[in-house]
């Protein structure tokens, strides 16, 4: 016997037909309580994954950097030139997009913080910036001992060196269309990351609770004898508060709507999944002994071998 459709058509005031819901089904309704429950589940999931990565202590084109006074984006004769950009603006050069506001600050929420290792080829001179050739997961880097007399670097049998670095992924409130915005820290920039991590731990249980204003600060680099500029993170308010019993609650200083908050928590969950599932940085096989040094195969992680120079994508 053929099934009958119990839906009926009624006419609206404009005369257009409108299909009623089938019998037995009620139109979906949105309630504040159910919405917060869903956000609570996302926030708790994100916190659990973030705690795991802290305990361990796509596209690759959305590196966020500060424009230097001699930056390529300021040179009209350079293909990277960006019209209207000023020194100390924050930009995503690959997209020719300025992501800072008129005060040269970024309105952002941190959705992920990760420690990785850069495999670098050191220059012939100490003053030369080492060139990154690929990235390693911390577990893979741990196969090799720390350089004798050193603290962080690890020597590889192929003559290259593994150095720790950190990636901070952002939700850009003024540019929500950018889904992979990221600031990379290495070398002295790792100290900035460490300060940021301590600030987040002191003020929240999970990074997505906080909303930041990211400006800049200048620090003199003794090694390269120049002043470098680094991001400066300041808490501008909260997006929400995650209670001890795992509930998302609004705060007085929260200006984020439910739809945006859900997007923030969803992206945070995804970026931690990408990291743990090796979609961000692929696993590495153990290298051969020093006597045999064949070239390393290219990895399949999403952030391999960026085309830009290291100094243009990292702090």
C-alpha atoms as a PDB file:
ATOM      1  CA  UNK A   1       0.000   0.000   0.000  1.00  0.00           C
ATOM      2  CA  UNK A   2       1.368   3.427  -0.942  1.00  0.00           C
ATOM      3  CA  UNK A   3       2.250   5.745   1.931  1.00  0.00           C
ATOM      4  CA  UNK A   4       0.192   8.885   2.282  1.00  0.00           C
ATOM      5  CA  UNK A   5       1.723  12.237   3.105  1.00  0.00           C
ATOM      6  CA  UNK A   6      -0.019  13.741   6.086  1.00  0.00           C
ATOM      7  CA  UNK A   7       1.424  17.180   5.447  1.00  0.00           C
ATOM      8  CA  UNK A   8      -1.165  19.718   4.318  1.00  0.00           C
ATOM      9  CA  UNK A   9      -0.827  23.012   2.501  1.00  0.00           C
ATOM     10  CA  UNK A  10      -2.306  26.201   3.818  1.00  0.00           C
ATOM     11  CA  UNK A  11      -2.265  29.665   2.365  1.00  0.00           C
ATOM     12  CA  UNK A  12      -0.547  32.605   3.938  1.00  0.00           C
ATOM     13  CA  UNK A  13      -1.854  36.156   3.898  1.00  0.00           C
ATOM     14  CA  UNK A  14       0.062  36.724   0.667  1.00  0.00           C
ATOM     15  CA  UNK A  15      -1.756  33.848  -0.966  1.00  0.00           C
ATOM     16  CA  UNK A  16       1.349  31.628  -1.252  1.00  0.00           C
ATOM     17  CA  UNK A  17       1.090  28.008  -0.262  1.00  0.00           C
ATOM     18  CA  UNK A  18       2.791  26.948   2.945  1.00  0.00           C
ATOM     19  CA  UNK A  19       3.415  23.309   3.835  1.00  0.00           C
ATOM     20  CA  UNK A  20       2.446  22.357   7.363  1.00  0.00           C
ATOM     21  CA  UNK A  21       4.572  19.936   9.405  1.00  0.00           C
ATOM     22  CA  UNK A  22       3.639  16.220   9.062  1.00  0.00           C
ATOM     23  CA  UNK A  23       1.330  14.859  11.703  1.00  0.00           C
ATOM     24  CA  UNK A  24       3.083  13.873  14.911  1.00  0.00           C
ATOM     25  CA  UNK A  25       6.003  16.262  14.375  1.00  0.00           C
ATOM     26  CA  UNK A  26       6.403  19.613  16.086  1.00  0.00           C
ATOM     27  CA  UNK A  27       8.338  22.507  14.597  1.00  0.00           C
ATOM     28  CA  UNK A  28      11.848  22.786  16.046  1.00  0.00           C
ATOM     29  CA  UNK A  29      12.156  25.519  18.625  1.00  0.00           C
ATOM     30  CA  UNK A  30      15.246  27.138  20.085  1.00  0.00           C
ATOM     31  CA  UNK A  31      15.507  27.726  23.781  1.00  0.00           C
ATOM     32  CA  UNK A  32      18.207  29.445  25.753  1.00  0.00           C
ATOM     33  CA  UNK A  33      18.582  26.433  28.054  1.00  0.00           C
ATOM     34  CA  UNK A  34      19.113  23.864  25.288  1.00  0.00           C
ATOM     35  CA  UNK A  35      21.470  26.240  23.499  1.00  0.00           C
ATOM     36  CA  UNK A  36      23.623  26.658  26.589  1.00  0.00           C
ATOM     37  CA  UNK A  37      23.630  22.897  27.191  1.00  0.00           C
ATOM     38  CA  UNK A  38      25.021  22.339  23.689  1.00  0.00           C
ATOM     39  CA  UNK A  39      27.670  25.006  24.240  1.00  0.00           C
ATOM     40  CA  UNK A  40      28.542  23.427  27.579  1.00  0.00           C
ATOM     41  CA  UNK A  41      29.215  20.091  25.889  1.00  0.00           C
ATOM     42  CA  UNK A  42      31.467  21.766  23.301  1.00  0.00           C
ATOM     43  CA  UNK A  43      33.342  23.760  25.938  1.00  0.00           C
ATOM     44  CA  UNK A  44      33.952  20.704  28.140  1.00  0.00           C
ATOM     45  CA  UNK A  45      35.163  18.690  25.140  1.00  0.00           C
ATOM     46  CA  UNK A  46      37.521  21.504  24.198  1.00  0.00           C
ATOM     47  CA  UNK A  47      38.800  21.818  27.771  1.00  0.00           C
ATOM     48  CA  UNK A  48      39.498  18.083  28.023  1.00  0.00           C
ATOM     49  CA  UNK A  49      41.563  18.109  24.826  1.00  0.00           C
ATOM     50  CA  UNK A  50      43.345  21.298  25.812  1.00  0.00           C
ATOM     51  CA  UNK A  51      44.269  19.803  29.196  1.00  0.00           C
ATOM     52  CA  UNK A  52      45.763  16.743  27.477  1.00  0.00           C
ATOM     53  CA  UNK A  53      47.977  18.874  25.229  1.00  0.00           C
ATOM     54  CA  UNK A  54      49.054  21.117  28.110  1.00  0.00           C
ATOM     55  CA  UNK A  55      50.058  18.033  30.074  1.00  0.00           C
ATOM     56  CA  UNK A  56      52.285  16.943  27.166  1.00  0.00           C
ATOM     57  CA  UNK A  57      53.959  20.199  27.410  1.00  0.00           C
ATOM     58  CA  UNK A  58      44.240  22.484   5.424  1.00  0.00           C
ATOM     59  CA  UNK A  59      45.685  25.516   4.343  1.00  0.00           C
ATOM     60  CA  UNK A  60      48.905  26.885   5.720  1.00  0.00           C
ATOM     61  CA  UNK A  61      48.528  30.377   4.353  1.00  0.00           C
ATOM     62  CA  UNK A  62      46.925  32.269   7.235  1.00  0.00           C
ATOM     63  CA  UNK A  63      49.978  33.163   9.305  1.00  0.00           C
ATOM     64  CA  UNK A  64      49.309  36.474  11.069  1.00  0.00           C
ATOM     65  CA  UNK A  65      52.331  38.764  11.274  1.00  0.00           C
ATOM     66  CA  UNK A  66      53.306  42.324  12.153  1.00  0.00           C
ATOM     67  CA  UNK A  67      54.418  44.511   9.267  1.00  0.00           C
ATOM     68  CA  UNK A  68      58.047  45.569   9.687  1.00  0.00           C
ATOM     69  CA  UNK A  69      59.382  48.963   8.631  1.00  0.00           C
ATOM     70  CA  UNK A  70      61.279  47.208   5.829  1.00  0.00           C
ATOM     71  CA  UNK A  71      58.561  44.634   5.178  1.00  0.00           C
ATOM     72  CA  UNK A  72      57.942  43.293   1.700  1.00  0.00           C
ATOM     73  CA  UNK A  73      54.294  44.367   1.823  1.00  0.00           C
ATOM     74  CA  UNK A  74      55.444  48.012   1.990  1.00  0.00           C
ATOM     75  CA  UNK A  75      57.653  47.761  -1.118  1.00  0.00           C
ATOM     76  CA  UNK A  76      55.714  48.872  -4.213  1.00  0.00           C
ATOM     77  CA  UNK A  77      58.145  46.937  -6.400  1.00  0.00           C
ATOM     78  CA  UNK A  78      57.579  43.672  -4.517  1.00  0.00           C
ATOM     79  CA  UNK A  79      54.822  41.221  -5.594  1.00  0.00           C
ATOM     80  CA  UNK A  80      53.813  41.011  -1.919  1.00  0.00           C
ATOM     81  CA  UNK A  81      52.980  44.743  -1.800  1.00  0.00           C
ATOM     82  CA  UNK A  82      49.733  45.652  -0.045  1.00  0.00           C
ATOM     83  CA  UNK A  83      48.204  49.052  -0.662  1.00  0.00           C
ATOM     84  CA  UNK A  84      47.351  51.120   2.403  1.00  0.00           C
ATOM     85  CA  UNK A  85      49.304  48.991   4.871  1.00  0.00           C
ATOM     86  CA  UNK A  86      51.346  50.712   7.603  1.00  0.00           C
ATOM     87  CA  UNK A  87      54.247  49.475   9.739  1.00  0.00           C
ATOM     88  CA  UNK A  88      52.981  47.528  12.783  1.00  0.00           C
ATOM     89  CA  UNK A  89      49.695  46.596  11.129  1.00  0.00           C
ATOM     90  CA  UNK A  90      48.779  42.929  11.543  1.00  0.00           C
ATOM     91  CA  UNK A  91      48.311  41.216   8.200  1.00  0.00           C
ATOM     92  CA  UNK A  92      47.800  37.852   6.559  1.00  0.00           C
ATOM     93  CA  UNK A  93      50.188  38.510   3.677  1.00  0.00           C
ATOM     94  CA  UNK A  94      49.153  35.474   1.636  1.00  0.00           C
ATOM     95  CA  UNK A  95      45.580  36.805   1.533  1.00  0.00           C
ATOM     96  CA  UNK A  96      46.648  40.470   1.252  1.00  0.00           C
ATOM     97  CA  UNK A  97      44.401  41.169   4.218  1.00  0.00           C
ATOM     98  CA  UNK A  98      44.853  43.572   7.145  1.00  0.00           C
ATOM     99  CA  UNK A  99      43.322  41.962  10.242  1.00  0.00           C
ATOM    100  CA  UNK A 100      44.080  44.703  12.809  1.00  0.00           C
ATOM    101  CA  UNK A 101      41.857  47.719  13.397  1.00  0.00           C
ATOM    102  CA  UNK A 102      42.665  51.445  13.195  1.00  0.00           C
ATOM    103  CA  UNK A 103      44.479  51.201  16.523  1.00  0.00           C
ATOM    104  CA  UNK A 104      46.581  48.345  15.065  1.00  0.00           C
ATOM    105  CA  UNK A 105      45.034  45.837  17.463  1.00  0.00           C
ATOM    106  CA  UNK A 106      43.374  42.482  16.832  1.00  0.00           C
ATOM    107  CA  UNK A 107      40.079  41.561  18.505  1.00  0.00           C
ATOM    108  CA  UNK A 108      40.471  37.811  18.968  1.00  0.00           C
ATOM    109  CA  UNK A 109      39.663  34.674  20.916  1.00  0.00           C
ATOM    110  CA  UNK A 110      42.321  31.964  21.200  1.00  0.00           C
ATOM    111  CA  UNK A 111      40.925  28.620  20.027  1.00  0.00           C
ATOM    112  CA  UNK A 112      44.065  26.492  20.212  1.00  0.00           C
ATOM    113  CA  UNK A 113      47.639  26.520  21.540  1.00  0.00           C
ATOM    114  CA  UNK A 114      50.165  23.910  20.433  1.00  0.00           C
ATOM    115  CA  UNK A 115      53.807  23.038  20.958  1.00  0.00           C
ATOM    116  CA  UNK A 116      55.619  21.581  17.958  1.00  0.00           C
ATOM    117  CA  UNK A 117      59.207  21.397  16.703  1.00  0.00           C
ATOM    118  CA  UNK A 118      60.700  23.054  13.624  1.00  0.00           C
ATOM    119  CA  UNK A 119      63.378  21.169  11.759  1.00  0.00           C
ATOM    120  CA  UNK A 120      65.841  23.846  10.714  1.00  0.00           C
ATOM    121  CA  UNK A 121      68.937  24.044   8.548  1.00  0.00           C
ATOM    122  CA  UNK A 122      71.354  26.415  10.226  1.00  0.00           C
ATOM    123  CA  UNK A 123      73.100  29.073   8.158  1.00  0.00           C
ATOM    124  CA  UNK A 124      76.863  29.286   7.697  1.00  0.00           C
ATOM    125  CA  UNK A 125      76.927  32.356   9.942  1.00  0.00           C
ATOM    126  CA  UNK A 126      75.438  32.782  13.405  1.00  0.00           C
ATOM    127  CA  UNK A 127      73.733  35.971  12.234  1.00  0.00           C
ATOM    128  CA  UNK A 128      71.789  34.132   9.524  1.00  0.00           C
ATOM    129  CA  UNK A 129      68.216  33.145  10.249  1.00  0.00           C
ATOM    130  CA  UNK A 130      67.866  29.304  10.258  1.00  0.00           C
ATOM    131  CA  UNK A 131      65.591  27.969   7.515  1.00  0.00           C
ATOM    132  CA  UNK A 132      62.680  25.723   8.501  1.00  0.00           C
ATOM    133  CA  UNK A 133      62.220  22.685   6.248  1.00  0.00           C
ATOM    134  CA  UNK A 134      59.417  20.832   8.081  1.00  0.00           C
ATOM    135  CA  UNK A 135      57.639  20.416  11.411  1.00  0.00           C
ATOM    136  CA  UNK A 136      57.589  17.586  13.962  1.00  0.00           C
ATOM    137  CA  UNK A 137      55.192  16.469  16.674  1.00  0.00           C
ATOM    138  CA  UNK A 138      56.717  16.630  20.200  1.00  0.00           C
ATOM    139  CA  UNK A 139      56.432  12.848  20.599  1.00  0.00           C
ATOM    140  CA  UNK A 140      58.522  12.294  17.472  1.00  0.00           C
ATOM    141  CA  UNK A 141      61.074  14.939  18.428  1.00  0.00           C
ATOM    142  CA  UNK A 142      61.555  13.149  21.766  1.00  0.00           C
ATOM    143  CA  UNK A 143      63.289  10.299  19.872  1.00  0.00           C
ATOM    144  CA  UNK A 144      66.405  12.464  19.848  1.00  0.00           C
ATOM    145  CA  UNK A 145      68.296  13.748  22.900  1.00  0.00           C
ATOM    146  CA  UNK A 146      68.667  17.408  23.731  1.00  0.00           C
ATOM    147  CA  UNK A 147      71.845  18.965  22.333  1.00  0.00           C
ATOM    148  CA  UNK A 148      74.750  18.542  24.802  1.00  0.00           C
ATOM    149  CA  UNK A 149      75.012  21.673  26.901  1.00  0.00           C
ATOM    150  CA  UNK A 150      71.702  22.918  25.552  1.00  0.00           C
ATOM    151  CA  UNK A 151      68.206  23.131  26.954  1.00  0.00           C
ATOM    152  CA  UNK A 152      65.713  22.790  24.120  1.00  0.00           C
ATOM    153  CA  UNK A 153      67.317  21.975  20.760  1.00  0.00           C
ATOM    154  CA  UNK A 154      67.673  18.395  19.533  1.00  0.00           C
ATOM    155  CA  UNK A 155      70.195  17.304  16.912  1.00  0.00           C
ATOM    156  CA  UNK A 156      69.123  15.044  14.050  1.00  0.00           C
ATOM    157  CA  UNK A 157      71.278  12.417  12.296  1.00  0.00           C
ATOM    158  CA  UNK A 158      70.855  14.303   8.997  1.00  0.00           C
ATOM    159  CA  UNK A 159      72.670  17.322  10.432  1.00  0.00           C
ATOM    160  CA  UNK A 160      69.570  19.458  10.988  1.00  0.00           C
ATOM    161  CA  UNK A 161      68.288  20.654  14.357  1.00  0.00           C
ATOM    162  CA  UNK A 162      64.866  20.461  15.992  1.00  0.00           C
ATOM    163  CA  UNK A 163      63.867  23.640  17.819  1.00  0.00           C
ATOM    164  CA  UNK A 164      60.633  24.101  19.813  1.00  0.00           C
ATOM    165  CA  UNK A 165      58.015  26.538  18.592  1.00  0.00           C
ATOM    166  CA  UNK A 166      54.376  27.271  19.344  1.00  0.00           C
ATOM    167  CA  UNK A 167      51.290  27.922  17.263  1.00  0.00           C
ATOM    168  CA  UNK A 168      48.374  30.003  18.556  1.00  0.00           C
ATOM    169  CA  UNK A 169      45.160  29.727  16.526  1.00  0.00           C
ATOM    170  CA  UNK A 170      42.704  32.614  16.675  1.00  0.00           C
ATOM    171  CA  UNK A 171      39.072  33.363  16.051  1.00  0.00           C
ATOM    172  CA  UNK A 172      39.179  36.851  14.538  1.00  0.00           C
ATOM    173  CA  UNK A 173      36.029  38.679  15.630  1.00  0.00           C
ATOM    174  CA  UNK A 174      36.364  41.265  12.856  1.00  0.00           C
ATOM    175  CA  UNK A 175      37.166  38.602  10.229  1.00  0.00           C
ATOM    176  CA  UNK A 176      35.162  35.480  11.112  1.00  0.00           C
ATOM    177  CA  UNK A 177      35.577  34.215   7.550  1.00  0.00           C
ATOM    178  CA  UNK A 178      39.240  33.400   8.297  1.00  0.00           C
ATOM    179  CA  UNK A 179      39.073  29.912   9.772  1.00  0.00           C
ATOM    180  CA  UNK A 180      42.791  29.155  10.143  1.00  0.00           C
ATOM    181  CA  UNK A 181      44.302  32.408  11.420  1.00  0.00           C
ATOM    182  CA  UNK A 182      47.431  31.621  13.410  1.00  0.00           C
ATOM    183  CA  UNK A 183      50.387  33.343  15.093  1.00  0.00           C
ATOM    184  CA  UNK A 184      53.619  31.338  15.192  1.00  0.00           C
ATOM    185  CA  UNK A 185      56.220  31.803  17.945  1.00  0.00           C
ATOM    186  CA  UNK A 186      59.795  30.523  18.002  1.00  0.00           C
ATOM    187  CA  UNK A 187      63.165  31.402  19.502  1.00  0.00           C
ATOM    188  CA  UNK A 188      62.654  34.465  21.753  1.00  0.00           C
ATOM    189  CA  UNK A 189      59.003  34.478  20.779  1.00  0.00           C
ATOM    190  CA  UNK A 190      58.560  31.324  22.876  1.00  0.00           C
ATOM    191  CA  UNK A 191      58.928  33.524  25.968  1.00  0.00           C
ATOM    192  CA  UNK A 192      55.927  35.574  24.797  1.00  0.00           C
ATOM    193  CA  UNK A 193      53.981  32.336  24.377  1.00  0.00           C
ATOM    194  CA  UNK A 194      54.974  31.212  27.876  1.00  0.00           C
ATOM    195  CA  UNK A 195      53.676  34.481  29.366  1.00  0.00           C
ATOM    196  CA  UNK A 196      50.429  34.088  27.441  1.00  0.00           C
ATOM    197  CA  UNK A 197      49.968  30.526  28.654  1.00  0.00           C
ATOM    198  CA  UNK A 198      50.473  31.593  32.280  1.00  0.00           C
ATOM    199  CA  UNK A 199      47.956  34.434  31.850  1.00  0.00           C
ATOM    200  CA  UNK A 200      45.314  32.085  30.458  1.00  0.00           C
ATOM    201  CA  UNK A 201      45.847  29.510  33.214  1.00  0.00           C
ATOM    202  CA  UNK A 202      45.505  32.224  35.858  1.00  0.00           C
ATOM    203  CA  UNK A 203      42.340  33.759  34.421  1.00  0.00           C
ATOM    204  CA  UNK A 204      40.387  30.830  32.958  1.00  0.00           C
ATOM    205  CA  UNK A 205      39.970  27.077  32.801  1.00  0.00           C
ATOM    206  CA  UNK A 206      39.969  26.999  28.998  1.00  0.00           C
ATOM    207  CA  UNK A 207      41.359  29.527  26.507  1.00  0.00           C
ATOM    208  CA  UNK A 208      38.048  30.134  24.686  1.00  0.00           C
ATOM    209  CA  UNK A 209      36.609  31.801  27.784  1.00  0.00           C
ATOM    210  CA  UNK A 210      38.736  34.892  27.198  1.00  0.00           C
ATOM    211  CA  UNK A 211      38.622  37.635  24.585  1.00  0.00           C
ATOM    212  CA  UNK A 212      41.903  39.389  23.801  1.00  0.00           C
ATOM    213  CA  UNK A 213      43.102  42.644  22.364  1.00  0.00           C
ATOM    214  CA  UNK A 214      46.408  41.915  20.615  1.00  0.00           C
ATOM    215  CA  UNK A 215      48.672  44.930  20.172  1.00  0.00           C
ATOM    216  CA  UNK A 216      52.480  44.963  19.901  1.00  0.00           C
ATOM    217  CA  UNK A 217      55.592  45.376  22.040  1.00  0.00           C
ATOM    218  CA  UNK A 218      59.226  45.989  21.119  1.00  0.00           C
ATOM    219  CA  UNK A 219      62.112  43.881  22.448  1.00  0.00           C
ATOM    220  CA  UNK A 220      65.787  44.334  21.642  1.00  0.00           C
ATOM    221  CA  UNK A 221      67.439  41.219  20.170  1.00  0.00           C
ATOM    222  CA  UNK A 222      71.046  41.036  21.373  1.00  0.00           C
ATOM    223  CA  UNK A 223      71.976  38.203  19.004  1.00  0.00           C
ATOM    224  CA  UNK A 224      70.899  39.988  15.830  1.00  0.00           C
ATOM    225  CA  UNK A 225      71.495  43.499  17.265  1.00  0.00           C
ATOM    226  CA  UNK A 226      68.126  44.908  16.358  1.00  0.00           C
ATOM    227  CA  UNK A 227      64.745  45.729  17.864  1.00  0.00           C
ATOM    228  CA  UNK A 228      62.092  43.130  17.159  1.00  0.00           C
ATOM    229  CA  UNK A 229      58.348  43.561  17.523  1.00  0.00           C
ATOM    230  CA  UNK A 230      56.162  40.921  19.124  1.00  0.00           C
ATOM    231  CA  UNK A 231      52.458  40.488  19.854  1.00  0.00           C
ATOM    232  CA  UNK A 232      51.175  41.762  23.189  1.00  0.00           C
ATOM    233  CA  UNK A 233      48.131  39.952  24.578  1.00  0.00           C
ATOM    234  CA  UNK A 234      45.767  41.779  26.911  1.00  0.00           C
ATOM    235  CA  UNK A 235      42.459  40.438  28.211  1.00  0.00           C
ATOM    236  CA  UNK A 236      39.593  42.567  26.895  1.00  0.00           C
ATOM    237  CA  UNK A 237      36.791  40.556  28.502  1.00  0.00           C
ATOM    238  CA  UNK A 238      35.140  37.157  28.576  1.00  0.00           C
ATOM    239  CA  UNK A 239      33.119  35.243  26.018  1.00  0.00           C
ATOM    240  CA  UNK A 240      31.614  33.066  28.751  1.00  0.00           C
ATOM    241  CA  UNK A 241      32.513  31.297  31.976  1.00  0.00           C
ATOM    242  CA  UNK A 242      32.808  27.526  32.258  1.00  0.00           C
ATOM    243  CA  UNK A 243      31.635  26.505  35.734  1.00  0.00           C
ATOM    244  CA  UNK A 244      33.182  23.705  37.770  1.00  0.00           C
ATOM    245  CA  UNK A 245      30.255  21.456  36.915  1.00  0.00           C
ATOM    246  CA  UNK A 246      30.799  21.994  33.174  1.00  0.00           C
ATOM    247  CA  UNK A 247      28.144  24.626  32.402  1.00  0.00           C
ATOM    248  CA  UNK A 248      28.520  27.590  30.051  1.00  0.00           C
ATOM    249  CA  UNK A 249      27.244  30.792  31.632  1.00  0.00           C
ATOM    250  CA  UNK A 250      27.207  34.353  30.354  1.00  0.00           C
ATOM    251  CA  UNK A 251      29.337  36.988  32.061  1.00  0.00           C
ATOM    252  CA  UNK A 252      28.777  40.716  32.515  1.00  0.00           C
ATOM    253  CA  UNK A 253      31.689  41.587  30.222  1.00  0.00           C
ATOM    254  CA  UNK A 254      30.619  39.227  27.421  1.00  0.00           C
ATOM    255  CA  UNK A 255      29.598  40.824  24.132  1.00  0.00           C
ATOM    256  CA  UNK A 256      29.484  37.643  22.061  1.00  0.00           C
ATOM    257  CA  UNK A 257      26.197  36.228  20.790  1.00  0.00           C
ATOM    258  CA  UNK A 258      25.208  32.571  20.991  1.00  0.00           C
ATOM    259  CA  UNK A 259      25.832  31.885  17.294  1.00  0.00           C
ATOM    260  CA  UNK A 260      29.360  33.296  17.441  1.00  0.00           C
ATOM    261  CA  UNK A 261      30.152  31.465  20.672  1.00  0.00           C
ATOM    262  CA  UNK A 262      29.036  28.181  19.174  1.00  0.00           C
ATOM    263  CA  UNK A 263      31.294  28.819  16.158  1.00  0.00           C
ATOM    264  CA  UNK A 264      34.246  29.593  18.449  1.00  0.00           C
ATOM    265  CA  UNK A 265      33.783  26.392  20.452  1.00  0.00           C
ATOM    266  CA  UNK A 266      33.225  24.307  17.319  1.00  0.00           C
ATOM    267  CA  UNK A 267      36.420  25.600  15.723  1.00  0.00           C
ATOM    268  CA  UNK A 268      38.351  25.021  18.953  1.00  0.00           C
ATOM    269  CA  UNK A 269      37.181  21.423  19.078  1.00  0.00           C
ATOM    270  CA  UNK A 270      38.168  20.878  15.444  1.00  0.00           C
ATOM    271  CA  UNK A 271      41.643  22.401  15.720  1.00  0.00           C
ATOM    272  CA  UNK A 272      42.506  20.156  18.686  1.00  0.00           C
ATOM    273  CA  UNK A 273      41.174  17.151  16.793  1.00  0.00           C
ATOM    274  CA  UNK A 274      43.321  18.073  13.780  1.00  0.00           C
ATOM    275  CA  UNK A 275      46.365  18.235  16.044  1.00  0.00           C
ATOM    276  CA  UNK A 276      45.723  14.949  17.841  1.00  0.00           C
ATOM    277  CA  UNK A 277      44.828  13.134  14.592  1.00  0.00           C
ATOM    278  CA  UNK A 278      48.062  14.324  12.885  1.00  0.00           C
ATOM    279  CA  UNK A 279      46.195  16.407  10.296  1.00  0.00           C
ATOM    280  CA  UNK A 280      48.094  19.507  11.327  1.00  0.00           C
ATOM    281  CA  UNK A 281      51.579  18.002  11.579  1.00  0.00           C
ATOM    282  CA  UNK A 282      52.225  14.478  10.366  1.00  0.00           C
ATOM    283  CA  UNK A 283      54.100  11.757  12.234  1.00  0.00           C
ATOM    284  CA  UNK A 284      57.790  11.200  11.487  1.00  0.00           C
ATOM    285  CA  UNK A 285      59.646   7.960  11.051  1.00  0.00           C
ATOM    286  CA  UNK A 286      62.886   7.513  12.977  1.00  0.00           C
ATOM    287  CA  UNK A 287      65.872   8.777  11.006  1.00  0.00           C
ATOM    288  CA  UNK A 288      68.725   6.462   9.984  1.00  0.00           C
ATOM    289  CA  UNK A 289      72.106   6.456  11.671  1.00  0.00           C
ATOM    290  CA  UNK A 290      74.488   9.335  10.847  1.00  0.00           C
ATOM    291  CA  UNK A 291      76.372   7.246   8.246  1.00  0.00           C
ATOM    292  CA  UNK A 292      73.330   7.081   5.991  1.00  0.00           C
ATOM    293  CA  UNK A 293      71.513  10.347   5.494  1.00  0.00           C
ATOM    294  CA  UNK A 294      68.922  10.099   2.737  1.00  0.00           C
ATOM    295  CA  UNK A 295      66.550  13.029   2.300  1.00  0.00           C
ATOM    296  CA  UNK A 296      63.514  12.984   4.557  1.00  0.00           C
ATOM    297  CA  UNK A 297      60.241  12.299   2.748  1.00  0.00           C
ATOM    298  CA  UNK A 298      57.764  15.163   2.661  1.00  0.00           C
ATOM    299  CA  UNK A 299      55.128  14.787   5.349  1.00  0.00           C
ATOM    300  CA  UNK A 300      51.377  14.897   4.901  1.00  0.00           C
ATOM    301  CA  UNK A 301      50.565  17.374   7.661  1.00  0.00           C
ATOM    302  CA  UNK A 302      48.593  20.474   6.760  1.00  0.00           C
ATOM    303  CA  UNK A 303      51.309  22.941   7.715  1.00  0.00           C
ATOM    304  CA  UNK A 304      54.343  21.685   5.794  1.00  0.00           C
ATOM    305  CA  UNK A 305      57.042  23.778   4.143  1.00  0.00           C
ATOM    306  CA  UNK A 306      55.550  27.237   4.008  1.00  0.00           C
ATOM    307  CA  UNK A 307      56.554  29.203   0.903  1.00  0.00           C
ATOM    308  CA  UNK A 308      57.348  32.400   2.794  1.00  0.00           C
ATOM    309  CA  UNK A 309      60.649  33.066   4.531  1.00  0.00           C
ATOM    310  CA  UNK A 310      60.696  32.041   8.177  1.00  0.00           C
ATOM    311  CA  UNK A 311      61.046  35.608   9.434  1.00  0.00           C
ATOM    312  CA  UNK A 312      57.869  36.572   7.592  1.00  0.00           C
ATOM    313  CA  UNK A 313      55.666  34.032   9.327  1.00  0.00           C
ATOM    314  CA  UNK A 314      57.131  33.620  12.836  1.00  0.00           C
ATOM    315  CA  UNK A 315      57.890  35.788  15.843  1.00  0.00           C
END
